[in-house]
Amino acid sequence: MPKCTADSMEFGRLGRRVIEANFKGGAISSDGGVLLLRQMDRRMGLSAAVAAALNDPRAPERVRHELRDLVAQRLYGLCCGYEDLNDHDRLRHDPLMQTAVGKADELASSPTLSRLETRVTRAEVVALNGVLVEQFIASQRKAPTELVLDVDASDVPLHGDQEL
């Protein structure tokens, strides 16, 4: 029978940690796509832009996790299908998620991420919407001259034409 798989694939390093894919076991994660998310985030600068739009009222001497790292952890978790914050009780120990965020140690806990989400103000929500609009415009080859946001939710043909 032919051997169809490579022994390992190298993805670089994070500090002293070597990032590779192999079939030997060890520290295992099924979320390999998170490294692609990391690359896209670095290219787009989304987590950095979101962190810049948020106020960080924490005492600097007590901060264990930088704001950008918290945002990246939450974004990557959402993209991988982990909507619930309690998923991060396990994800914080996942070597692949740690690598994607850029840390070699334990990530933020679910209570830390919860505090991040619940302290956001109305002004920050407006700023975050601006980040998304800027990201969308930057994704276009040429900046659009007009941008129409259709937020009318009344046209819902889900149940047929009962409204008429």
N, C-alpha and C. Protein backbone atom coordinates (compact mmCIF):
# COMPACT_ATOMS: atom_id res chain seq x y z
N MET A 1 0.85 -1.18 0.00
CA MET A 1 0.00 0.00 0.00
C MET A 1 0.89 1.24 0.00
N PRO A 2 0.63 2.20 -0.89
CA PRO A 2 1.48 3.39 -0.95
C PRO A 2 1.27 4.30 0.25
N LYS A 3 2.31 5.01 0.61
CA LYS A 3 2.23 5.98 1.71
C LYS A 3 1.86 7.32 1.08
N CYS A 4 0.63 7.79 1.32
CA CYS A 4 0.10 8.97 0.64
C CYS A 4 0.16 10.24 1.47
N THR A 5 0.58 10.18 2.70
CA THR A 5 0.62 11.37 3.54
C THR A 5 2.05 11.73 3.89
N ALA A 6 2.29 13.00 4.01
CA ALA A 6 3.61 13.47 4.44
C ALA A 6 3.79 13.15 5.92
N ASP A 7 5.04 13.00 6.34
CA ASP A 7 5.30 12.74 7.75
C ASP A 7 4.85 13.91 8.61
N SER A 8 5.16 15.13 8.17
CA SER A 8 4.71 16.31 8.89
C SER A 8 4.76 17.52 7.96
N MET A 9 4.03 18.55 8.35
CA MET A 9 4.02 19.80 7.61
C MET A 9 4.36 20.90 8.60
N GLU A 10 5.36 21.70 8.30
CA GLU A 10 5.81 22.77 9.17
C GLU A 10 5.03 24.06 8.90
N PHE A 11 4.63 24.76 9.96
CA PHE A 11 3.92 26.03 9.85
C PHE A 11 4.65 27.16 10.57
N GLY A 12 5.91 26.97 10.89
CA GLY A 12 6.67 28.03 11.55
C GLY A 12 6.77 27.83 13.05
N ARG A 13 7.04 28.93 13.76
CA ARG A 13 7.24 28.87 15.19
C ARG A 13 6.50 30.00 15.88
N LEU A 14 6.20 29.82 17.14
CA LEU A 14 5.71 30.86 18.03
C LEU A 14 6.59 30.79 19.27
N GLY A 15 7.58 31.67 19.33
CA GLY A 15 8.55 31.58 20.40
C GLY A 15 9.31 30.27 20.29
N ARG A 16 9.29 29.47 21.33
CA ARG A 16 9.96 28.16 21.30
C ARG A 16 9.04 27.06 20.79
N ARG A 17 7.77 27.36 20.59
CA ARG A 17 6.81 26.37 20.15
C ARG A 17 6.90 26.17 18.63
N VAL A 18 7.07 24.94 18.20
CA VAL A 18 7.08 24.60 16.77
C VAL A 18 5.66 24.25 16.36
N ILE A 19 5.19 24.84 15.27
CA ILE A 19 3.84 24.57 14.78
C ILE A 19 3.95 23.64 13.60
N GLU A 20 3.39 22.43 13.74
CA GLU A 20 3.43 21.47 12.66
C GLU A 20 2.20 20.59 12.69
N ALA A 21 1.87 20.04 11.53
CA ALA A 21 0.78 19.07 11.43
C ALA A 21 1.43 17.72 11.18
N ASN A 22 1.02 16.74 11.98
CA ASN A 22 1.51 15.38 11.77
C ASN A 22 0.45 14.40 12.24
N PHE A 23 0.74 13.15 12.12
CA PHE A 23 -0.24 12.12 12.46
C PHE A 23 0.27 11.24 13.60
N LYS A 24 1.00 11.85 14.53
CA LYS A 24 1.61 11.11 15.63
C LYS A 24 0.88 11.27 16.95
N GLY A 25 -0.15 12.08 17.01
CA GLY A 25 -0.84 12.31 18.28
C GLY A 25 -0.23 13.48 19.00
N GLY A 26 -0.12 13.43 20.27
CA GLY A 26 0.42 14.54 21.05
C GLY A 26 -0.67 15.55 21.36
N ALA A 27 -0.33 16.82 21.39
CA ALA A 27 -1.32 17.87 21.64
C ALA A 27 -2.18 18.00 20.40
N ILE A 28 -3.42 17.53 20.49
CA ILE A 28 -4.29 17.41 19.33
C ILE A 28 -5.38 18.47 19.36
N SER A 29 -5.69 19.01 18.19
CA SER A 29 -6.80 19.94 18.03
C SER A 29 -7.45 19.67 16.69
N SER A 30 -8.76 19.77 16.64
CA SER A 30 -9.47 19.55 15.38
C SER A 30 -9.76 20.85 14.66
N ASP A 31 -9.31 21.98 15.22
CA ASP A 31 -9.60 23.29 14.64
C ASP A 31 -8.40 23.86 13.90
N GLY A 32 -7.83 23.08 12.98
CA GLY A 32 -6.67 23.53 12.23
C GLY A 32 -6.92 24.78 11.41
N GLY A 33 -8.17 25.01 11.03
CA GLY A 33 -8.51 26.19 10.25
C GLY A 33 -8.29 27.49 11.00
N VAL A 34 -8.13 27.42 12.31
CA VAL A 34 -7.93 28.64 13.09
C VAL A 34 -6.61 29.33 12.71
N LEU A 35 -5.64 28.56 12.21
CA LEU A 35 -4.39 29.18 11.76
C LEU A 35 -4.62 30.00 10.49
N LEU A 36 -5.54 29.55 9.64
CA LEU A 36 -5.89 30.35 8.47
C LEU A 36 -6.62 31.62 8.89
N LEU A 37 -7.48 31.51 9.90
CA LEU A 37 -8.14 32.70 10.43
C LEU A 37 -7.11 33.70 10.95
N ARG A 38 -6.10 33.18 11.63
CA ARG A 38 -5.04 34.04 12.15
C ARG A 38 -4.35 34.80 11.03
N GLN A 39 -4.06 34.09 9.93
CA GLN A 39 -3.40 34.74 8.80
C GLN A 39 -4.29 35.81 8.18
N MET A 40 -5.56 35.51 8.03
CA MET A 40 -6.50 36.50 7.48
C MET A 40 -6.63 37.70 8.42
N ASP A 41 -6.69 37.43 9.71
CA ASP A 41 -6.79 38.51 10.68
C ASP A 41 -5.55 39.41 10.62
N ARG A 42 -4.39 38.81 10.50
CA ARG A 42 -3.16 39.60 10.39
C ARG A 42 -3.19 40.46 9.13
N ARG A 43 -3.67 39.88 8.03
CA ARG A 43 -3.72 40.61 6.77
C ARG A 43 -4.73 41.76 6.84
N MET A 44 -5.91 41.47 7.40
CA MET A 44 -6.98 42.47 7.45
C MET A 44 -6.83 43.42 8.63
N GLY A 45 -6.25 42.96 9.70
CA GLY A 45 -6.12 43.77 10.90
C GLY A 45 -7.42 43.94 11.65
N LEU A 46 -8.33 42.97 11.54
CA LEU A 46 -9.65 43.09 12.16
C LEU A 46 -9.58 43.12 13.68
N SER A 47 -8.90 42.16 14.30
CA SER A 47 -8.88 42.14 15.76
C SER A 47 -8.17 43.38 16.31
N ALA A 48 -7.14 43.87 15.64
CA ALA A 48 -6.46 45.08 16.08
C ALA A 48 -7.38 46.29 15.94
N ALA A 49 -8.15 46.36 14.85
CA ALA A 49 -9.07 47.48 14.64
C ALA A 49 -10.20 47.45 15.67
N VAL A 50 -10.71 46.27 15.97
CA VAL A 50 -11.76 46.15 16.99
C VAL A 50 -11.22 46.56 18.35
N ALA A 51 -10.02 46.09 18.70
CA ALA A 51 -9.43 46.45 19.98
C ALA A 51 -9.19 47.95 20.08
N ALA A 52 -8.81 48.58 18.97
CA ALA A 52 -8.58 50.03 18.97
C ALA A 52 -9.88 50.81 19.17
N ALA A 53 -11.01 50.21 18.79
CA ALA A 53 -12.30 50.89 18.92
C ALA A 53 -12.89 50.74 20.32
N LEU A 54 -12.32 49.87 21.13
CA LEU A 54 -12.84 49.62 22.48
C LEU A 54 -12.00 50.33 23.53
N ASN A 55 -12.66 50.78 24.57
CA ASN A 55 -11.98 51.36 25.72
C ASN A 55 -11.57 50.22 26.64
N ASP A 56 -10.41 50.33 27.24
CA ASP A 56 -9.94 49.30 28.17
C ASP A 56 -9.79 49.92 29.55
N PRO A 57 -10.83 49.78 30.41
CA PRO A 57 -10.78 50.43 31.72
C PRO A 57 -9.99 49.65 32.78
N ARG A 58 -9.39 48.53 32.40
CA ARG A 58 -8.68 47.70 33.38
C ARG A 58 -7.41 48.40 33.88
N ALA A 59 -7.05 48.09 35.09
CA ALA A 59 -5.81 48.62 35.68
C ALA A 59 -4.63 47.95 34.99
N PRO A 60 -3.77 48.72 34.33
CA PRO A 60 -2.67 48.14 33.54
C PRO A 60 -1.79 47.16 34.31
N GLU A 61 -1.57 47.40 35.58
CA GLU A 61 -0.70 46.51 36.36
C GLU A 61 -1.35 45.15 36.64
N ARG A 62 -2.66 45.04 36.43
CA ARG A 62 -3.36 43.78 36.70
C ARG A 62 -3.75 43.03 35.43
N VAL A 63 -3.42 43.59 34.27
CA VAL A 63 -3.82 42.98 32.99
C VAL A 63 -2.95 41.77 32.69
N ARG A 64 -3.60 40.63 32.48
CA ARG A 64 -2.90 39.39 32.09
C ARG A 64 -3.05 39.11 30.61
N HIS A 65 -4.13 39.61 30.01
CA HIS A 65 -4.42 39.35 28.59
C HIS A 65 -4.66 40.67 27.90
N GLU A 66 -3.86 40.97 26.90
CA GLU A 66 -4.02 42.21 26.15
C GLU A 66 -5.38 42.24 25.47
N LEU A 67 -5.91 43.43 25.27
CA LEU A 67 -7.24 43.59 24.68
C LEU A 67 -7.31 42.95 23.30
N ARG A 68 -6.29 43.14 22.49
CA ARG A 68 -6.29 42.54 21.15
C ARG A 68 -6.34 41.02 21.23
N ASP A 69 -5.66 40.44 22.21
CA ASP A 69 -5.68 38.99 22.38
C ASP A 69 -7.07 38.50 22.79
N LEU A 70 -7.74 39.25 23.66
CA LEU A 70 -9.11 38.88 24.05
C LEU A 70 -10.04 38.92 22.84
N VAL A 71 -9.92 39.97 22.05
CA VAL A 71 -10.76 40.11 20.86
C VAL A 71 -10.46 38.98 19.88
N ALA A 72 -9.19 38.70 19.64
CA ALA A 72 -8.81 37.63 18.72
C ALA A 72 -9.33 36.28 19.22
N GLN A 73 -9.18 36.00 20.50
CA GLN A 73 -9.67 34.73 21.05
C GLN A 73 -11.16 34.59 20.82
N ARG A 74 -11.91 35.64 21.08
CA ARG A 74 -13.37 35.59 20.92
C ARG A 74 -13.75 35.46 19.45
N LEU A 75 -13.10 36.24 18.57
CA LEU A 75 -13.41 36.17 17.14
C LEU A 75 -13.10 34.79 16.58
N TYR A 76 -11.93 34.26 16.90
CA TYR A 76 -11.55 32.94 16.37
C TYR A 76 -12.49 31.86 16.90
N GLY A 77 -12.89 31.97 18.17
CA GLY A 77 -13.83 31.00 18.72
C GLY A 77 -15.17 31.05 17.99
N LEU A 78 -15.67 32.26 17.74
CA LEU A 78 -16.92 32.40 17.00
C LEU A 78 -16.81 31.82 15.61
N CYS A 79 -15.72 32.10 14.92
CA CYS A 79 -15.52 31.59 13.56
C CYS A 79 -15.43 30.07 13.53
N CYS A 80 -14.95 29.47 14.60
CA CYS A 80 -14.84 28.01 14.67
C CYS A 80 -16.12 27.36 15.18
N GLY A 81 -17.15 28.16 15.44
CA GLY A 81 -18.44 27.60 15.86
C GLY A 81 -18.65 27.55 17.36
N TYR A 82 -17.81 28.20 18.12
CA TYR A 82 -17.94 28.21 19.58
C TYR A 82 -18.61 29.52 20.01
N GLU A 83 -19.94 29.57 19.90
CA GLU A 83 -20.68 30.79 20.22
C GLU A 83 -20.73 31.06 21.71
N ASP A 84 -20.81 30.01 22.49
CA ASP A 84 -20.97 30.15 23.94
C ASP A 84 -19.64 30.44 24.61
N LEU A 85 -19.67 31.35 25.56
CA LEU A 85 -18.44 31.69 26.27
C LEU A 85 -17.90 30.52 27.08
N ASN A 86 -18.78 29.63 27.55
CA ASN A 86 -18.28 28.52 28.36
C ASN A 86 -17.40 27.57 27.53
N ASP A 87 -17.48 27.64 26.19
CA ASP A 87 -16.58 26.85 25.35
C ASP A 87 -15.13 27.22 25.59
N HIS A 88 -14.90 28.46 26.01
CA HIS A 88 -13.54 28.93 26.22
C HIS A 88 -12.89 28.36 27.48
N ASP A 89 -13.68 27.70 28.34
CA ASP A 89 -13.09 27.02 29.48
C ASP A 89 -12.13 25.93 29.01
N ARG A 90 -12.45 25.30 27.87
CA ARG A 90 -11.55 24.30 27.28
C ARG A 90 -10.62 24.91 26.25
N LEU A 91 -11.17 25.83 25.43
CA LEU A 91 -10.37 26.43 24.36
C LEU A 91 -9.15 27.18 24.90
N ARG A 92 -9.24 27.70 26.10
CA ARG A 92 -8.12 28.48 26.65
C ARG A 92 -6.88 27.62 26.85
N HIS A 93 -7.07 26.28 26.90
CA HIS A 93 -5.95 25.35 27.07
C HIS A 93 -5.53 24.70 25.75
N ASP A 94 -6.26 24.97 24.67
CA ASP A 94 -5.99 24.35 23.36
C ASP A 94 -4.73 24.98 22.76
N PRO A 95 -3.70 24.17 22.52
CA PRO A 95 -2.44 24.72 21.99
C PRO A 95 -2.62 25.42 20.63
N LEU A 96 -3.53 24.94 19.81
CA LEU A 96 -3.73 25.57 18.51
C LEU A 96 -4.41 26.93 18.64
N MET A 97 -5.39 27.04 19.52
CA MET A 97 -6.03 28.33 19.75
C MET A 97 -5.03 29.30 20.38
N GLN A 98 -4.23 28.82 21.31
CA GLN A 98 -3.19 29.66 21.90
C GLN A 98 -2.23 30.17 20.83
N THR A 99 -1.84 29.29 19.93
CA THR A 99 -0.92 29.67 18.87
C THR A 99 -1.56 30.69 17.94
N ALA A 100 -2.82 30.48 17.60
CA ALA A 100 -3.51 31.42 16.72
C ALA A 100 -3.59 32.81 17.34
N VAL A 101 -3.86 32.86 18.63
CA VAL A 101 -3.95 34.16 19.32
C VAL A 101 -2.56 34.78 19.47
N GLY A 102 -1.52 33.94 19.47
CA GLY A 102 -0.16 34.44 19.59
C GLY A 102 0.39 34.31 20.98
N LYS A 103 -0.15 33.37 21.75
CA LYS A 103 0.29 33.14 23.12
C LYS A 103 0.81 31.71 23.24
N ALA A 104 1.73 31.51 24.15
CA ALA A 104 2.24 30.17 24.41
C ALA A 104 1.74 29.64 25.74
N ASP A 105 0.86 30.41 26.39
CA ASP A 105 0.33 29.98 27.67
C ASP A 105 -1.20 30.11 27.67
N GLU A 106 -1.79 29.88 28.80
CA GLU A 106 -3.25 29.85 28.97
C GLU A 106 -3.91 31.15 28.49
N LEU A 107 -5.00 31.01 27.74
CA LEU A 107 -5.76 32.16 27.25
C LEU A 107 -6.75 32.63 28.31
N ALA A 108 -7.56 33.60 27.96
CA ALA A 108 -8.52 34.17 28.89
C ALA A 108 -9.64 33.19 29.22
N SER A 109 -10.17 33.31 30.43
CA SER A 109 -11.28 32.47 30.88
C SER A 109 -12.60 33.01 30.34
N SER A 110 -13.64 32.21 30.45
CA SER A 110 -14.96 32.66 30.00
C SER A 110 -15.45 33.86 30.81
N PRO A 111 -15.22 33.96 32.13
CA PRO A 111 -15.64 35.17 32.85
C PRO A 111 -14.91 36.43 32.35
N THR A 112 -13.63 36.30 32.00
CA THR A 112 -12.89 37.45 31.48
C THR A 112 -13.49 37.91 30.16
N LEU A 113 -13.81 36.96 29.28
CA LEU A 113 -14.43 37.32 28.00
C LEU A 113 -15.83 37.89 28.21
N SER A 114 -16.54 37.38 29.20
CA SER A 114 -17.87 37.90 29.51
C SER A 114 -17.79 39.35 29.95
N ARG A 115 -16.82 39.68 30.79
CA ARG A 115 -16.64 41.07 31.22
C ARG A 115 -16.31 41.97 30.03
N LEU A 116 -15.52 41.45 29.10
CA LEU A 116 -15.20 42.21 27.90
C LEU A 116 -16.47 42.57 27.13
N GLU A 117 -17.34 41.59 26.96
CA GLU A 117 -18.56 41.80 26.18
C GLU A 117 -19.58 42.67 26.89
N THR A 118 -19.70 42.54 28.19
CA THR A 118 -20.76 43.26 28.90
C THR A 118 -20.40 44.69 29.25
N ARG A 119 -19.14 45.06 29.15
CA ARG A 119 -18.78 46.44 29.47
C ARG A 119 -18.79 47.36 28.25
N VAL A 120 -19.11 46.84 27.08
CA VAL A 120 -19.13 47.66 25.86
C VAL A 120 -20.26 48.69 25.95
N THR A 121 -19.93 49.93 25.62
CA THR A 121 -20.89 51.02 25.68
C THR A 121 -21.55 51.23 24.32
N ARG A 122 -22.60 52.03 24.31
CA ARG A 122 -23.29 52.36 23.06
C ARG A 122 -22.34 53.03 22.07
N ALA A 123 -21.52 53.95 22.56
CA ALA A 123 -20.55 54.63 21.69
C ALA A 123 -19.56 53.63 21.07
N GLU A 124 -19.17 52.63 21.84
CA GLU A 124 -18.25 51.62 21.31
C GLU A 124 -18.94 50.75 20.26
N VAL A 125 -20.23 50.47 20.45
CA VAL A 125 -20.97 49.70 19.45
C VAL A 125 -21.01 50.47 18.14
N VAL A 126 -21.23 51.79 18.22
CA VAL A 126 -21.21 52.62 17.01
C VAL A 126 -19.83 52.57 16.37
N ALA A 127 -18.78 52.66 17.17
CA ALA A 127 -17.41 52.59 16.64
C ALA A 127 -17.13 51.23 16.00
N LEU A 128 -17.65 50.15 16.60
CA LEU A 128 -17.47 48.81 16.03
C LEU A 128 -18.18 48.69 14.69
N ASN A 129 -19.35 49.30 14.56
CA ASN A 129 -20.03 49.30 13.27
C ASN A 129 -19.17 50.02 12.23
N GLY A 130 -18.53 51.11 12.65
CA GLY A 130 -17.62 51.82 11.75
C GLY A 130 -16.46 50.94 11.31
N VAL A 131 -15.93 50.12 12.23
CA VAL A 131 -14.85 49.20 11.89
C VAL A 131 -15.32 48.23 10.81
N LEU A 132 -16.53 47.69 10.97
CA LEU A 132 -17.04 46.74 9.98
C LEU A 132 -17.24 47.40 8.62
N VAL A 133 -17.75 48.63 8.60
CA VAL A 133 -17.93 49.34 7.34
C VAL A 133 -16.58 49.59 6.69
N GLU A 134 -15.59 50.01 7.47
CA GLU A 134 -14.25 50.26 6.93
C GLU A 134 -13.62 48.97 6.40
N GLN A 135 -13.83 47.87 7.11
CA GLN A 135 -13.32 46.58 6.64
C GLN A 135 -13.96 46.18 5.32
N PHE A 136 -15.27 46.42 5.20
CA PHE A 136 -15.97 46.10 3.96
C PHE A 136 -15.43 46.94 2.82
N ILE A 137 -15.30 48.24 3.04
CA ILE A 137 -14.80 49.13 1.99
C ILE A 137 -13.38 48.74 1.58
N ALA A 138 -12.55 48.40 2.56
CA ALA A 138 -11.17 48.00 2.27
C ALA A 138 -11.11 46.70 1.47
N SER A 139 -12.15 45.88 1.56
CA SER A 139 -12.15 44.61 0.83
C SER A 139 -12.50 44.77 -0.64
N GLN A 140 -12.94 45.96 -1.03
CA GLN A 140 -13.30 46.22 -2.42
C GLN A 140 -12.08 46.70 -3.19
N ARG A 141 -12.05 46.40 -4.48
CA ARG A 141 -10.93 46.87 -5.31
C ARG A 141 -10.91 48.39 -5.38
N LYS A 142 -12.10 48.97 -5.48
CA LYS A 142 -12.23 50.42 -5.57
C LYS A 142 -13.29 50.82 -4.55
N ALA A 143 -13.01 51.88 -3.81
CA ALA A 143 -13.96 52.32 -2.79
C ALA A 143 -15.28 52.71 -3.46
N PRO A 144 -16.41 52.18 -2.97
CA PRO A 144 -17.69 52.52 -3.58
C PRO A 144 -18.04 53.99 -3.35
N THR A 145 -18.73 54.58 -4.33
CA THR A 145 -19.15 55.98 -4.18
C THR A 145 -20.36 56.08 -3.27
N GLU A 146 -21.10 54.97 -3.16
CA GLU A 146 -22.29 54.94 -2.32
C GLU A 146 -22.39 53.58 -1.66
N LEU A 147 -22.87 53.58 -0.44
CA LEU A 147 -23.05 52.34 0.31
C LEU A 147 -24.45 52.35 0.89
N VAL A 148 -25.28 51.40 0.47
CA VAL A 148 -26.67 51.34 0.93
C VAL A 148 -26.80 50.17 1.90
N LEU A 149 -27.25 50.48 3.10
CA LEU A 149 -27.50 49.44 4.10
C LEU A 149 -29.00 49.24 4.19
N ASP A 150 -29.48 48.09 3.75
CA ASP A 150 -30.90 47.78 3.77
C ASP A 150 -31.21 47.07 5.08
N VAL A 151 -31.78 47.79 6.03
CA VAL A 151 -32.07 47.23 7.35
C VAL A 151 -33.56 47.04 7.58
N ASP A 152 -34.36 47.13 6.52
CA ASP A 152 -35.81 46.95 6.62
C ASP A 152 -36.11 45.46 6.77
N ALA A 153 -36.59 45.07 7.93
CA ALA A 153 -36.85 43.65 8.19
C ALA A 153 -38.31 43.28 7.94
N SER A 154 -39.10 44.17 7.36
CA SER A 154 -40.52 43.87 7.20
C SER A 154 -40.81 42.97 6.01
N ASP A 155 -39.89 42.85 5.07
CA ASP A 155 -40.11 42.00 3.90
C ASP A 155 -39.62 40.59 4.20
N VAL A 156 -40.46 39.82 4.89
CA VAL A 156 -40.10 38.46 5.27
C VAL A 156 -41.11 37.50 4.64
N PRO A 157 -40.79 36.93 3.49
CA PRO A 157 -41.73 36.05 2.80
C PRO A 157 -41.77 34.64 3.38
N LEU A 158 -41.31 34.46 4.60
CA LEU A 158 -41.22 33.15 5.21
C LEU A 158 -42.56 32.42 5.24
N HIS A 159 -43.65 33.13 5.56
CA HIS A 159 -44.96 32.49 5.70
C HIS A 159 -45.88 32.84 4.54
N GLY A 160 -45.33 33.18 3.39
CA GLY A 160 -46.17 33.49 2.24
C GLY A 160 -46.61 34.94 2.24
N ASP A 161 -47.78 35.20 1.69
CA ASP A 161 -48.28 36.58 1.54
C ASP A 161 -49.41 36.89 2.49
N GLN A 162 -49.34 36.43 3.73
CA GLN A 162 -50.40 36.68 4.68
C GLN A 162 -50.62 38.17 4.96
N GLU A 163 -49.55 38.96 4.87
CA GLU A 163 -49.67 40.39 5.17
C GLU A 163 -50.57 41.09 4.15
N LEU A 164 -50.63 40.57 2.94
CA LEU A 164 -51.43 41.21 1.90
C LEU A 164 -52.86 40.68 1.96
